[in-house]
């Protein structure tokens, strides 16, 4: 398959993965943060809910962008999709293994609008957008016919063009 098949969606996933993995560390510079709202403060919550899923989306986007092997690109799309789902659902499911307490902290914004923007930009909205672009990439890769993956289509020439047979009367 051509490597350009998923280059744009792969690049978008690469950017979204970098955003997801780094926003917790650089967001406090712009008053866009979750607690602890200190720049470059590492916590295990950030590792499980932001850094690892961000790295998985980044790797998935890289695989989609750079590989010419269809199944490897499909794996990249599935990896990015799973990590996007984790961004969206990780904070919701975290009380299951954390004794009933949600991981990830709380939005540091002082207004309701800012808290919603932080929730969407850090977790829920980011995860939904990642799943969308990973699904687009996967769909493009999945619908590619196997013969088109190995050989480019050749246009008809005058010698190989389909012909019609005219019925004779009489």
Protein backbone atom coordinates (compact mmCIF):
# COMPACT_ATOMS: atom_id res chain seq x y z
CA UNK A 1 0.00 0.00 0.00
CA UNK A 2 1.13 3.57 -0.53
CA UNK A 3 2.53 5.17 2.60
CA UNK A 4 0.54 8.31 1.88
CA UNK A 5 -2.71 6.35 2.36
CA UNK A 6 -3.10 7.47 5.97
CA UNK A 7 -0.46 10.16 6.24
CA UNK A 8 -2.78 13.03 7.16
CA UNK A 9 -4.82 11.16 9.78
CA UNK A 10 -1.60 9.64 11.12
CA UNK A 11 -0.12 13.12 11.47
CA UNK A 12 -3.25 14.38 13.27
CA UNK A 13 -3.09 11.41 15.65
CA UNK A 14 0.59 12.12 16.24
CA UNK A 15 -0.26 15.72 17.23
CA UNK A 16 -3.21 14.64 19.41
CA UNK A 17 -1.03 12.07 21.18
CA UNK A 18 1.63 14.70 21.87
CA UNK A 19 -1.07 17.04 23.19
CA UNK A 20 -2.52 14.34 25.45
CA UNK A 21 0.84 13.35 26.86
CA UNK A 22 2.22 16.86 27.39
CA UNK A 23 -0.75 19.11 28.24
CA UNK A 24 -0.64 18.11 31.91
CA UNK A 25 2.95 19.36 32.11
CA UNK A 26 2.74 22.55 30.03
CA UNK A 27 -0.91 23.52 30.64
CA UNK A 28 -0.24 25.25 33.99
CA UNK A 29 1.86 27.85 32.15
CA UNK A 30 -1.40 28.96 30.47
CA UNK A 31 -3.70 28.49 33.52
CA UNK A 32 -5.10 25.37 31.85
CA UNK A 33 -4.57 22.51 34.27
CA UNK A 34 -5.76 19.72 36.49
CA UNK A 35 -4.57 19.43 40.07
CA UNK A 36 -1.74 19.50 40.87
CA UNK A 37 -1.66 22.67 38.79
CA UNK A 38 2.13 22.90 38.76
CA UNK A 39 4.08 22.66 35.51
CA UNK A 40 6.19 19.51 35.08
CA UNK A 41 4.81 17.87 38.23
CA UNK A 42 4.83 14.09 37.73
CA UNK A 43 2.25 11.87 39.41
CA UNK A 44 1.30 8.25 38.84
CA UNK A 45 -2.19 9.48 37.89
CA UNK A 46 -0.65 11.44 35.02
CA UNK A 47 1.35 8.40 33.96
CA UNK A 48 -1.71 6.11 33.69
CA UNK A 49 -4.27 8.63 32.46
CA UNK A 50 -2.22 10.95 30.22
CA UNK A 51 1.38 9.96 29.48
CA UNK A 52 0.86 6.30 28.50
CA UNK A 53 -2.30 6.87 26.42
CA UNK A 54 -0.64 9.89 24.79
CA UNK A 55 2.39 7.77 23.91
CA UNK A 56 0.12 5.03 22.52
CA UNK A 57 -1.74 7.52 20.29
CA UNK A 58 1.58 9.02 19.18
CA UNK A 59 2.93 5.56 18.30
CA UNK A 60 -0.31 4.63 16.51
CA UNK A 61 -0.15 7.81 14.44
CA UNK A 62 3.50 7.15 13.64
CA UNK A 63 2.70 3.63 12.47
CA UNK A 64 -0.14 4.88 10.27
CA UNK A 65 2.08 7.58 8.78
CA UNK A 66 5.25 5.65 8.11
CA UNK A 67 4.47 2.04 7.38
CA UNK A 68 3.73 0.56 3.98
CA UNK A 69 2.47 -2.65 5.59
CA UNK A 70 -1.31 -2.56 5.75
CA UNK A 71 -1.73 -4.76 8.83
CA UNK A 72 0.82 -2.76 10.79
CA UNK A 73 -1.01 0.47 9.92
CA UNK A 74 -4.30 -1.15 10.99
CA UNK A 75 -2.68 -2.10 14.30
CA UNK A 76 -1.59 1.53 14.71
CA UNK A 77 -5.17 2.69 14.12
CA UNK A 78 -6.51 0.18 16.68
CA UNK A 79 -3.83 1.18 19.21
CA UNK A 80 -4.70 4.87 18.80
CA UNK A 81 -8.41 4.09 19.06
CA UNK A 82 -7.96 2.11 22.29
CA UNK A 83 -5.82 4.87 23.79
CA UNK A 84 -8.43 7.47 22.77
CA UNK A 85 -11.10 5.43 24.50
CA UNK A 86 -8.86 5.32 27.57
CA UNK A 87 -8.56 9.12 27.51
CA UNK A 88 -12.35 9.39 27.45
CA UNK A 89 -13.11 6.66 30.01
CA UNK A 90 -10.01 6.36 32.20
CA UNK A 91 -11.05 8.90 34.80
CA UNK A 92 -14.55 7.42 34.90
CA UNK A 93 -13.29 3.85 35.42
CA UNK A 94 -10.41 4.68 37.77
CA UNK A 95 -12.47 4.36 41.00
CA UNK A 96 -12.72 0.63 40.27
CA UNK A 97 -9.08 0.04 41.22
CA UNK A 98 -8.52 3.12 43.40
CA UNK A 99 -10.86 2.35 46.32
CA UNK A 100 -13.73 4.43 44.96
CA UNK A 101 -11.70 7.61 44.35
CA UNK A 102 -11.37 9.00 40.83
CA UNK A 103 -7.80 9.51 39.59
CA UNK A 104 -6.63 12.49 37.61
CA UNK A 105 -7.37 15.28 40.02
CA UNK A 106 -9.89 18.04 39.48
CA UNK A 107 -9.96 20.85 36.95
CA UNK A 108 -8.07 23.87 38.28
CA UNK A 109 -10.21 26.45 36.49
CA UNK A 110 -12.13 28.92 38.58
CA UNK A 111 -15.16 29.27 36.28
CA UNK A 112 -17.57 26.63 35.10
CA UNK A 113 -16.63 27.30 31.46
CA UNK A 114 -12.94 26.82 32.19
CA UNK A 115 -13.56 23.59 34.12
CA UNK A 116 -15.58 22.21 31.20
CA UNK A 117 -12.85 23.24 28.76
CA UNK A 118 -10.23 21.49 30.91
CA UNK A 119 -12.30 18.30 31.16
CA UNK A 120 -12.85 18.25 27.40
CA UNK A 121 -9.27 19.18 26.47
CA UNK A 122 -7.56 16.81 28.87
CA UNK A 123 -9.76 13.75 28.75
CA UNK A 124 -13.26 13.36 27.31
CA UNK A 125 -13.18 15.56 24.21
CA UNK A 126 -9.61 14.60 23.40
CA UNK A 127 -10.48 10.90 23.61
CA UNK A 128 -13.52 11.28 21.37
CA UNK A 129 -11.54 13.18 18.72
CA UNK A 130 -8.75 10.57 18.82
CA UNK A 131 -11.23 7.70 18.44
CA UNK A 132 -12.82 9.52 15.50
CA UNK A 133 -9.57 10.02 13.59
CA UNK A 134 -8.36 6.50 14.41
CA UNK A 135 -11.66 5.12 13.07
CA UNK A 136 -11.26 7.19 9.90
CA UNK A 137 -7.75 5.82 9.42
CA UNK A 138 -8.87 2.27 10.16
CA UNK A 139 -11.80 2.56 7.76
CA UNK A 140 -9.57 3.82 4.96
CA UNK A 141 -7.16 0.96 5.55
CA UNK A 142 -9.86 -1.67 5.97
CA UNK A 143 -11.71 -0.80 2.76
CA UNK A 144 -8.58 -0.95 0.66
CA UNK A 145 -8.92 -4.06 -1.56
CA UNK A 146 -6.05 -6.55 -1.16
CA UNK A 147 -5.02 -6.39 -4.83
CA UNK A 148 -4.88 -2.61 -4.70
CA UNK A 149 -2.52 -2.89 -1.77
CA UNK A 150 0.11 -4.65 -3.85
CA UNK A 151 -0.33 -3.45 -7.43
CA UNK A 152 -1.37 -0.04 -8.70
CA UNK A 153 -4.28 -0.04 -11.11
CA UNK A 154 -3.34 0.33 -14.75
CA UNK A 155 -5.50 2.39 -17.06
CA UNK A 156 -7.13 0.75 -20.07
CA UNK A 157 -5.26 0.94 -23.32
CA UNK A 158 -6.79 0.64 -26.75
CA UNK A 159 -5.77 -3.04 -26.90
CA UNK A 160 -7.32 -4.04 -23.57
CA UNK A 161 -10.43 -1.85 -23.49
CA UNK A 162 -13.67 -3.81 -23.11
CA UNK A 163 -15.58 -4.21 -26.33
CA UNK A 164 -19.22 -4.92 -27.00
CA UNK A 165 -20.47 -7.42 -29.51
CA UNK A 166 -23.23 -6.23 -31.85
CA UNK A 167 -25.91 -8.80 -32.55
CA UNK A 168 -26.41 -9.68 -36.19
CA UNK A 169 -29.84 -9.68 -37.71
CA UNK A 170 -30.80 -12.22 -40.23
